[in-house]
Amino acid sequence: MDPDAARHELIDALALVQEQLADLAAVERARAALSATATRADGTVAVTVDSDGVVIQTVVSESYLEEHEMADLGAHLTAAAQDAARDAGLRLSELLAPLAQRRERMPSLSDIVDGAPDLRDLLSPPTRHPHDACDGDDDPNAYPTVRSVR
């Protein structure tokens, strides 16, 4: 590849990286604010989850027992939590889709400069969820478990 073409490709690749990094902060703010609520039992049971699917609020209306059995409450809560988590997951996927699409358009730097890393690897998302415990499998992408002792 001639030097001018390589320089042009490198400039284009770095522009994509710059766009990606600029959007990451905005996406993170939106992800932190994302929540989803689902209801069951004619709206008398509501569960809200955050973007990770973690329950952050549960509400059972005082009128629940007028129409429903106490024995069914657990099933309604579970179903509402599952529905809310599924919705949050879909919304998070939609939020992250533009970043994933841009990442796929990024070239491998090794195609431009011998021995250079693949930009897609540098900007790839973690393979594990931060809430997962590290199981000691020496995975370089693994998040450690950190506990505070008070």
N, C-alpha and C. Protein backbone atom coordinates (compact mmCIF):
# COMPACT_ATOMS: atom_id res chain seq x y z
N MET A 1 0.86 -1.17 0.00
CA MET A 1 0.00 0.00 0.00
C MET A 1 0.90 1.23 0.00
N ASP A 2 0.55 2.19 -0.86
CA ASP A 2 1.40 3.38 -0.92
C ASP A 2 1.19 4.25 0.32
N PRO A 3 2.18 5.05 0.69
CA PRO A 3 2.12 5.82 1.94
C PRO A 3 0.93 6.78 2.02
N ASP A 4 0.56 7.40 0.91
CA ASP A 4 -0.58 8.34 0.94
C ASP A 4 -1.89 7.60 1.23
N ALA A 5 -2.07 6.43 0.63
CA ALA A 5 -3.28 5.65 0.87
C ALA A 5 -3.31 5.16 2.32
N ALA A 6 -2.16 4.73 2.82
CA ALA A 6 -2.09 4.26 4.21
C ALA A 6 -2.39 5.40 5.17
N ARG A 7 -1.84 6.58 4.90
CA ARG A 7 -2.10 7.74 5.75
C ARG A 7 -3.60 8.08 5.74
N HIS A 8 -4.19 8.04 4.57
CA HIS A 8 -5.63 8.34 4.45
C HIS A 8 -6.47 7.32 5.23
N GLU A 9 -6.13 6.04 5.11
CA GLU A 9 -6.85 4.99 5.85
C GLU A 9 -6.68 5.16 7.35
N LEU A 10 -5.48 5.51 7.77
CA LEU A 10 -5.21 5.71 9.19
C LEU A 10 -6.00 6.91 9.73
N ILE A 11 -6.07 7.97 8.98
CA ILE A 11 -6.85 9.15 9.38
C ILE A 11 -8.33 8.78 9.51
N ASP A 12 -8.85 8.03 8.55
CA ASP A 12 -10.25 7.58 8.62
C ASP A 12 -10.49 6.70 9.84
N ALA A 13 -9.56 5.79 10.10
CA ALA A 13 -9.71 4.88 11.25
C ALA A 13 -9.69 5.67 12.55
N LEU A 14 -8.78 6.62 12.67
CA LEU A 14 -8.70 7.42 13.89
C LEU A 14 -9.94 8.31 14.06
N ALA A 15 -10.53 8.75 12.97
CA ALA A 15 -11.77 9.53 13.06
C ALA A 15 -12.89 8.67 13.62
N LEU A 16 -12.96 7.40 13.20
CA LEU A 16 -13.97 6.49 13.75
C LEU A 16 -13.74 6.26 15.24
N VAL A 17 -12.49 6.12 15.64
CA VAL A 17 -12.17 5.94 17.06
C VAL A 17 -12.58 7.18 17.84
N GLN A 18 -12.30 8.35 17.30
CA GLN A 18 -12.67 9.59 17.97
C GLN A 18 -14.19 9.70 18.14
N GLU A 19 -14.94 9.35 17.10
CA GLU A 19 -16.41 9.34 17.19
C GLU A 19 -16.87 8.38 18.28
N GLN A 20 -16.27 7.21 18.28
CA GLN A 20 -16.65 6.17 19.24
C GLN A 20 -16.41 6.66 20.67
N LEU A 21 -15.26 7.22 20.92
CA LEU A 21 -14.94 7.70 22.26
C LEU A 21 -15.84 8.86 22.68
N ALA A 22 -16.17 9.72 21.75
CA ALA A 22 -17.06 10.84 22.06
C ALA A 22 -18.46 10.34 22.44
N ASP A 23 -18.91 9.31 21.76
CA ASP A 23 -20.25 8.78 22.03
C ASP A 23 -20.30 7.92 23.29
N LEU A 24 -19.18 7.37 23.71
CA LEU A 24 -19.18 6.48 24.87
C LEU A 24 -19.69 7.18 26.12
N ALA A 25 -19.28 8.40 26.36
CA ALA A 25 -19.72 9.12 27.56
C ALA A 25 -21.22 9.35 27.53
N ALA A 26 -21.73 9.75 26.39
CA ALA A 26 -23.18 9.99 26.27
C ALA A 26 -23.97 8.70 26.45
N VAL A 27 -23.47 7.62 25.89
CA VAL A 27 -24.14 6.33 26.03
C VAL A 27 -24.10 5.86 27.48
N GLU A 28 -22.99 6.08 28.15
CA GLU A 28 -22.89 5.68 29.55
C GLU A 28 -23.88 6.46 30.42
N ARG A 29 -24.02 7.75 30.16
CA ARG A 29 -25.01 8.55 30.91
C ARG A 29 -26.43 8.03 30.66
N ALA A 30 -26.73 7.73 29.42
CA ALA A 30 -28.06 7.20 29.08
C ALA A 30 -28.27 5.83 29.71
N ARG A 31 -27.23 5.00 29.71
CA ARG A 31 -27.34 3.67 30.32
C ARG A 31 -27.58 3.78 31.82
N ALA A 32 -26.88 4.71 32.47
CA ALA A 32 -27.05 4.89 33.91
C ALA A 32 -28.46 5.36 34.26
N ALA A 33 -29.09 6.10 33.37
CA ALA A 33 -30.43 6.62 33.61
C ALA A 33 -31.53 5.65 33.17
N LEU A 34 -31.17 4.61 32.43
CA LEU A 34 -32.16 3.69 31.88
C LEU A 34 -32.79 2.84 32.97
N SER A 35 -34.11 2.73 32.92
CA SER A 35 -34.84 1.81 33.80
C SER A 35 -36.07 1.35 33.04
N ALA A 36 -36.66 0.28 33.52
CA ALA A 36 -37.87 -0.25 32.89
C ALA A 36 -38.79 -0.76 34.00
N THR A 37 -40.08 -0.54 33.80
CA THR A 37 -41.08 -0.96 34.78
C THR A 37 -42.08 -1.86 34.08
N ALA A 38 -42.45 -2.92 34.76
CA ALA A 38 -43.49 -3.82 34.25
C ALA A 38 -44.50 -4.05 35.37
N THR A 39 -45.74 -4.27 34.96
CA THR A 39 -46.80 -4.50 35.94
C THR A 39 -47.45 -5.84 35.69
N ARG A 40 -48.07 -6.35 36.72
CA ARG A 40 -48.84 -7.59 36.66
C ARG A 40 -50.04 -7.44 37.58
N ALA A 41 -50.88 -8.43 37.59
CA ALA A 41 -52.06 -8.46 38.45
C ALA A 41 -52.89 -7.19 38.29
N ASP A 42 -53.24 -6.91 37.05
CA ASP A 42 -54.08 -5.75 36.72
C ASP A 42 -53.47 -4.44 37.19
N GLY A 43 -52.15 -4.36 37.18
CA GLY A 43 -51.47 -3.13 37.55
C GLY A 43 -51.25 -2.94 39.04
N THR A 44 -51.64 -3.90 39.85
CA THR A 44 -51.47 -3.75 41.30
C THR A 44 -50.08 -4.16 41.77
N VAL A 45 -49.31 -4.79 40.90
CA VAL A 45 -47.93 -5.17 41.20
C VAL A 45 -47.05 -4.52 40.13
N ALA A 46 -46.04 -3.75 40.57
CA ALA A 46 -45.12 -3.09 39.64
C ALA A 46 -43.69 -3.31 40.12
N VAL A 47 -42.82 -3.65 39.17
CA VAL A 47 -41.41 -3.84 39.47
C VAL A 47 -40.61 -3.00 38.48
N THR A 48 -39.64 -2.25 39.01
CA THR A 48 -38.75 -1.43 38.19
C THR A 48 -37.34 -1.98 38.32
N VAL A 49 -36.65 -2.08 37.19
CA VAL A 49 -35.26 -2.54 37.17
C VAL A 49 -34.38 -1.48 36.51
N ASP A 50 -33.07 -1.54 36.81
CA ASP A 50 -32.14 -0.64 36.16
C ASP A 50 -31.65 -1.26 34.85
N SER A 51 -30.68 -0.64 34.21
CA SER A 51 -30.21 -1.11 32.91
C SER A 51 -29.54 -2.48 32.98
N ASP A 52 -29.12 -2.89 34.18
CA ASP A 52 -28.51 -4.21 34.36
C ASP A 52 -29.54 -5.27 34.70
N GLY A 53 -30.82 -4.88 34.80
CA GLY A 53 -31.87 -5.83 35.15
C GLY A 53 -31.99 -6.05 36.65
N VAL A 54 -31.34 -5.21 37.44
CA VAL A 54 -31.40 -5.32 38.89
C VAL A 54 -32.64 -4.59 39.40
N VAL A 55 -33.41 -5.25 40.24
CA VAL A 55 -34.63 -4.65 40.77
C VAL A 55 -34.25 -3.45 41.64
N ILE A 56 -34.86 -2.30 41.33
CA ILE A 56 -34.59 -1.09 42.11
C ILE A 56 -35.83 -0.59 42.84
N GLN A 57 -37.00 -1.09 42.45
CA GLN A 57 -38.22 -0.71 43.15
C GLN A 57 -39.30 -1.77 42.91
N THR A 58 -40.03 -2.06 43.98
CA THR A 58 -41.15 -2.99 43.92
C THR A 58 -42.32 -2.33 44.63
N VAL A 59 -43.47 -2.31 43.96
CA VAL A 59 -44.65 -1.69 44.55
C VAL A 59 -45.82 -2.68 44.43
N VAL A 60 -46.48 -2.90 45.56
CA VAL A 60 -47.70 -3.70 45.57
C VAL A 60 -48.80 -2.80 46.12
N SER A 61 -49.80 -2.60 45.31
CA SER A 61 -50.90 -1.73 45.71
C SER A 61 -51.70 -2.34 46.86
N GLU A 62 -52.21 -1.47 47.71
CA GLU A 62 -53.04 -1.95 48.82
C GLU A 62 -54.28 -2.69 48.31
N SER A 63 -54.69 -2.40 47.10
CA SER A 63 -55.88 -3.04 46.54
C SER A 63 -55.59 -4.43 45.96
N TYR A 64 -54.34 -4.88 46.00
CA TYR A 64 -53.97 -6.18 45.44
C TYR A 64 -54.86 -7.29 45.99
N LEU A 65 -55.07 -7.33 47.30
CA LEU A 65 -55.81 -8.43 47.92
C LEU A 65 -57.31 -8.38 47.64
N GLU A 66 -57.80 -7.28 47.11
CA GLU A 66 -59.23 -7.20 46.77
C GLU A 66 -59.55 -8.10 45.57
N GLU A 67 -58.60 -8.27 44.68
CA GLU A 67 -58.83 -9.04 43.45
C GLU A 67 -57.96 -10.29 43.31
N HIS A 68 -56.89 -10.37 44.10
CA HIS A 68 -55.90 -11.43 43.91
C HIS A 68 -55.56 -12.11 45.22
N GLU A 69 -55.00 -13.30 45.11
CA GLU A 69 -54.64 -14.08 46.29
C GLU A 69 -53.20 -13.79 46.72
N MET A 70 -52.99 -13.76 48.03
CA MET A 70 -51.65 -13.55 48.56
C MET A 70 -50.70 -14.64 48.07
N ALA A 71 -51.18 -15.85 47.91
CA ALA A 71 -50.35 -16.97 47.45
C ALA A 71 -49.79 -16.74 46.05
N ASP A 72 -50.43 -15.90 45.25
CA ASP A 72 -49.99 -15.64 43.88
C ASP A 72 -49.04 -14.45 43.78
N LEU A 73 -48.82 -13.74 44.88
CA LEU A 73 -48.01 -12.51 44.84
C LEU A 73 -46.59 -12.79 44.35
N GLY A 74 -45.96 -13.82 44.84
CA GLY A 74 -44.59 -14.13 44.43
C GLY A 74 -44.48 -14.34 42.92
N ALA A 75 -45.43 -15.06 42.36
CA ALA A 75 -45.42 -15.31 40.91
C ALA A 75 -45.62 -14.01 40.13
N HIS A 76 -46.49 -13.13 40.62
CA HIS A 76 -46.70 -11.84 39.95
C HIS A 76 -45.43 -10.98 40.03
N LEU A 77 -44.78 -10.95 41.19
CA LEU A 77 -43.55 -10.18 41.35
C LEU A 77 -42.46 -10.72 40.43
N THR A 78 -42.30 -12.02 40.39
CA THR A 78 -41.28 -12.64 39.54
C THR A 78 -41.53 -12.34 38.07
N ALA A 79 -42.76 -12.50 37.64
CA ALA A 79 -43.09 -12.26 36.22
C ALA A 79 -42.88 -10.80 35.86
N ALA A 80 -43.28 -9.88 36.75
CA ALA A 80 -43.08 -8.45 36.47
C ALA A 80 -41.59 -8.13 36.39
N ALA A 81 -40.80 -8.69 37.30
CA ALA A 81 -39.35 -8.45 37.28
C ALA A 81 -38.73 -8.99 35.99
N GLN A 82 -39.16 -10.16 35.56
CA GLN A 82 -38.63 -10.74 34.32
C GLN A 82 -39.01 -9.88 33.11
N ASP A 83 -40.26 -9.43 33.08
CA ASP A 83 -40.71 -8.57 31.97
C ASP A 83 -39.91 -7.26 31.94
N ALA A 84 -39.74 -6.65 33.11
CA ALA A 84 -38.99 -5.39 33.19
C ALA A 84 -37.53 -5.60 32.77
N ALA A 85 -36.92 -6.68 33.22
CA ALA A 85 -35.53 -6.96 32.87
C ALA A 85 -35.39 -7.20 31.36
N ARG A 86 -36.33 -7.89 30.78
CA ARG A 86 -36.29 -8.13 29.33
C ARG A 86 -36.41 -6.81 28.58
N ASP A 87 -37.33 -5.93 29.03
CA ASP A 87 -37.50 -4.63 28.39
C ASP A 87 -36.24 -3.79 28.55
N ALA A 88 -35.65 -3.78 29.74
CA ALA A 88 -34.42 -3.02 29.95
C ALA A 88 -33.30 -3.54 29.06
N GLY A 89 -33.21 -4.85 28.92
CA GLY A 89 -32.19 -5.44 28.05
C GLY A 89 -32.37 -5.03 26.59
N LEU A 90 -33.60 -5.03 26.13
CA LEU A 90 -33.87 -4.61 24.74
C LEU A 90 -33.52 -3.14 24.55
N ARG A 91 -33.91 -2.31 25.49
CA ARG A 91 -33.61 -0.88 25.39
C ARG A 91 -32.12 -0.62 25.45
N LEU A 92 -31.41 -1.38 26.28
CA LEU A 92 -29.95 -1.24 26.36
C LEU A 92 -29.31 -1.68 25.04
N SER A 93 -29.80 -2.74 24.45
CA SER A 93 -29.28 -3.19 23.15
C SER A 93 -29.47 -2.12 22.09
N GLU A 94 -30.63 -1.48 22.09
CA GLU A 94 -30.88 -0.41 21.13
C GLU A 94 -29.94 0.77 21.37
N LEU A 95 -29.67 1.06 22.62
CA LEU A 95 -28.77 2.16 22.97
C LEU A 95 -27.34 1.87 22.51
N LEU A 96 -26.91 0.63 22.64
CA LEU A 96 -25.54 0.25 22.30
C LEU A 96 -25.35 -0.07 20.81
N ALA A 97 -26.43 -0.26 20.07
CA ALA A 97 -26.34 -0.68 18.66
C ALA A 97 -25.48 0.25 17.81
N PRO A 98 -25.63 1.58 17.90
CA PRO A 98 -24.78 2.42 17.06
C PRO A 98 -23.29 2.25 17.34
N LEU A 99 -22.93 2.04 18.61
CA LEU A 99 -21.52 1.82 18.94
C LEU A 99 -21.02 0.51 18.33
N ALA A 100 -21.85 -0.52 18.41
CA ALA A 100 -21.46 -1.82 17.85
C ALA A 100 -21.32 -1.74 16.32
N GLN A 101 -22.23 -1.00 15.69
CA GLN A 101 -22.16 -0.87 14.23
C GLN A 101 -20.90 -0.12 13.80
N ARG A 102 -20.58 0.95 14.52
CA ARG A 102 -19.37 1.71 14.19
C ARG A 102 -18.13 0.85 14.42
N ARG A 103 -18.14 0.08 15.49
CA ARG A 103 -17.00 -0.79 15.82
C ARG A 103 -16.76 -1.79 14.68
N GLU A 104 -17.81 -2.30 14.09
CA GLU A 104 -17.67 -3.26 12.98
C GLU A 104 -17.07 -2.60 11.74
N ARG A 105 -17.26 -1.30 11.59
CA ARG A 105 -16.72 -0.59 10.42
C ARG A 105 -15.23 -0.29 10.57
N MET A 106 -14.72 -0.42 11.79
CA MET A 106 -13.32 -0.08 12.03
C MET A 106 -12.40 -1.12 11.39
N PRO A 107 -11.37 -0.63 10.72
CA PRO A 107 -10.43 -1.56 10.10
C PRO A 107 -9.45 -2.11 11.12
N SER A 108 -8.75 -3.11 10.71
CA SER A 108 -7.65 -3.62 11.52
C SER A 108 -6.44 -2.75 11.20
N LEU A 109 -5.83 -2.19 12.23
CA LEU A 109 -4.65 -1.36 11.99
C LEU A 109 -3.52 -2.17 11.37
N SER A 110 -3.51 -3.48 11.61
CA SER A 110 -2.44 -4.30 11.03
C SER A 110 -2.55 -4.36 9.51
N ASP A 111 -3.73 -4.02 8.96
CA ASP A 111 -3.86 -3.93 7.50
C ASP A 111 -3.15 -2.69 6.97
N ILE A 112 -2.98 -1.69 7.85
CA ILE A 112 -2.35 -0.43 7.45
C ILE A 112 -0.89 -0.40 7.88
N VAL A 113 -0.65 -0.84 9.14
CA VAL A 113 0.70 -0.83 9.70
C VAL A 113 1.00 -2.22 10.24
N ASP A 114 2.06 -2.84 9.73
CA ASP A 114 2.42 -4.19 10.17
C ASP A 114 2.60 -4.24 11.69
N GLY A 115 1.96 -5.23 12.31
CA GLY A 115 2.10 -5.46 13.74
C GLY A 115 1.23 -4.60 14.62
N ALA A 116 0.47 -3.69 14.05
CA ALA A 116 -0.41 -2.82 14.86
C ALA A 116 -1.63 -3.62 15.33
N PRO A 117 -2.21 -3.25 16.45
CA PRO A 117 -3.37 -3.98 16.97
C PRO A 117 -4.64 -3.68 16.17
N ASP A 118 -5.61 -4.52 16.32
CA ASP A 118 -6.92 -4.34 15.69
C ASP A 118 -7.70 -3.35 16.54
N LEU A 119 -8.15 -2.27 15.95
CA LEU A 119 -8.92 -1.25 16.69
C LEU A 119 -10.17 -1.83 17.32
N ARG A 120 -10.77 -2.80 16.67
CA ARG A 120 -12.00 -3.40 17.21
C ARG A 120 -11.71 -4.08 18.54
N ASP A 121 -10.53 -4.67 18.67
CA ASP A 121 -10.17 -5.30 19.94
C ASP A 121 -9.95 -4.27 21.03
N LEU A 122 -9.37 -3.14 20.65
CA LEU A 122 -9.12 -2.08 21.64
C LEU A 122 -10.41 -1.47 22.16
N LEU A 123 -11.45 -1.44 21.35
CA LEU A 123 -12.71 -0.81 21.73
C LEU A 123 -13.82 -1.82 21.98
N SER A 124 -13.47 -3.08 22.19
CA SER A 124 -14.49 -4.09 22.40
C SER A 124 -15.05 -3.99 23.81
N PRO A 125 -16.32 -4.33 23.98
CA PRO A 125 -16.93 -4.27 25.30
C PRO A 125 -16.41 -5.42 26.16
N PRO A 126 -16.53 -5.28 27.48
CA PRO A 126 -16.11 -6.38 28.36
C PRO A 126 -16.93 -7.62 28.06
N THR A 127 -16.31 -8.77 28.22
CA THR A 127 -17.02 -10.02 27.95
C THR A 127 -17.80 -10.50 29.15
N ARG A 128 -17.56 -9.90 30.31
CA ARG A 128 -18.26 -10.30 31.52
C ARG A 128 -18.97 -9.10 32.10
N HIS A 129 -20.03 -9.35 32.79
CA HIS A 129 -20.80 -8.31 33.44
C HIS A 129 -20.08 -7.89 34.72
N PRO A 130 -20.02 -6.58 35.03
CA PRO A 130 -19.30 -6.14 36.23
C PRO A 130 -19.85 -6.71 37.52
N HIS A 131 -21.10 -7.13 37.55
CA HIS A 131 -21.69 -7.69 38.76
C HIS A 131 -21.30 -9.15 38.96
N ASP A 132 -20.72 -9.78 37.94
CA ASP A 132 -20.30 -11.18 38.06
C ASP A 132 -19.06 -11.26 38.93
N ALA A 133 -19.01 -12.28 39.72
CA ALA A 133 -17.82 -12.49 40.56
C ALA A 133 -16.72 -13.08 39.70
N CYS A 134 -15.50 -12.69 39.99
CA CYS A 134 -14.34 -13.27 39.31
C CYS A 134 -14.13 -14.66 39.87
N ASP A 135 -14.09 -15.65 39.00
CA ASP A 135 -13.97 -17.02 39.48
C ASP A 135 -12.54 -17.54 39.42
N GLY A 136 -11.59 -16.62 39.24
CA GLY A 136 -10.19 -17.03 39.29
C GLY A 136 -9.74 -17.80 38.07
N ASP A 137 -10.41 -17.63 36.94
CA ASP A 137 -10.04 -18.40 35.75
C ASP A 137 -8.97 -17.72 34.91
N ASP A 138 -8.34 -16.68 35.45
CA ASP A 138 -7.27 -15.96 34.77
C ASP A 138 -7.70 -15.35 33.45
N ASP A 139 -8.98 -15.05 33.31
CA ASP A 139 -9.51 -14.38 32.13
C ASP A 139 -9.07 -12.91 32.18
N PRO A 140 -8.31 -12.42 31.18
CA PRO A 140 -7.83 -11.04 31.23
C PRO A 140 -8.98 -10.03 31.16
N ASN A 141 -10.15 -10.44 30.68
CA ASN A 141 -11.30 -9.54 30.62
C ASN A 141 -12.16 -9.62 31.87
N ALA A 142 -11.81 -10.47 32.81
CA ALA A 142 -12.63 -10.67 34.00
C ALA A 142 -12.53 -9.48 34.93
N TYR A 143 -13.63 -9.16 35.56
CA TYR A 143 -13.65 -8.11 36.56
C TYR A 143 -13.37 -8.74 37.92
N PRO A 144 -12.54 -8.11 38.72
CA PRO A 144 -12.28 -8.68 40.05
C PRO A 144 -13.45 -8.40 40.98
N THR A 145 -13.59 -9.21 41.99
CA THR A 145 -14.58 -8.97 43.02
C THR A 145 -13.92 -8.14 44.10
N VAL A 146 -14.48 -6.99 44.39
CA VAL A 146 -13.93 -6.09 45.39
C VAL A 146 -14.97 -5.92 46.48
N ARG A 147 -14.55 -6.15 47.72
CA ARG A 147 -15.46 -6.02 48.83
C ARG A 147 -14.89 -5.00 49.82
N SER A 148 -15.78 -4.22 50.38
CA SER A 148 -15.38 -3.26 51.39
C SER A 148 -15.66 -3.84 52.76
N VAL A 149 -14.71 -3.75 53.66
CA VAL A 149 -14.89 -4.25 55.02
C VAL A 149 -15.07 -3.04 55.92
N ARG A 150 -16.19 -2.99 56.59
CA ARG A 150 -16.47 -1.85 57.47
C ARG A 150 -16.77 -2.33 58.84
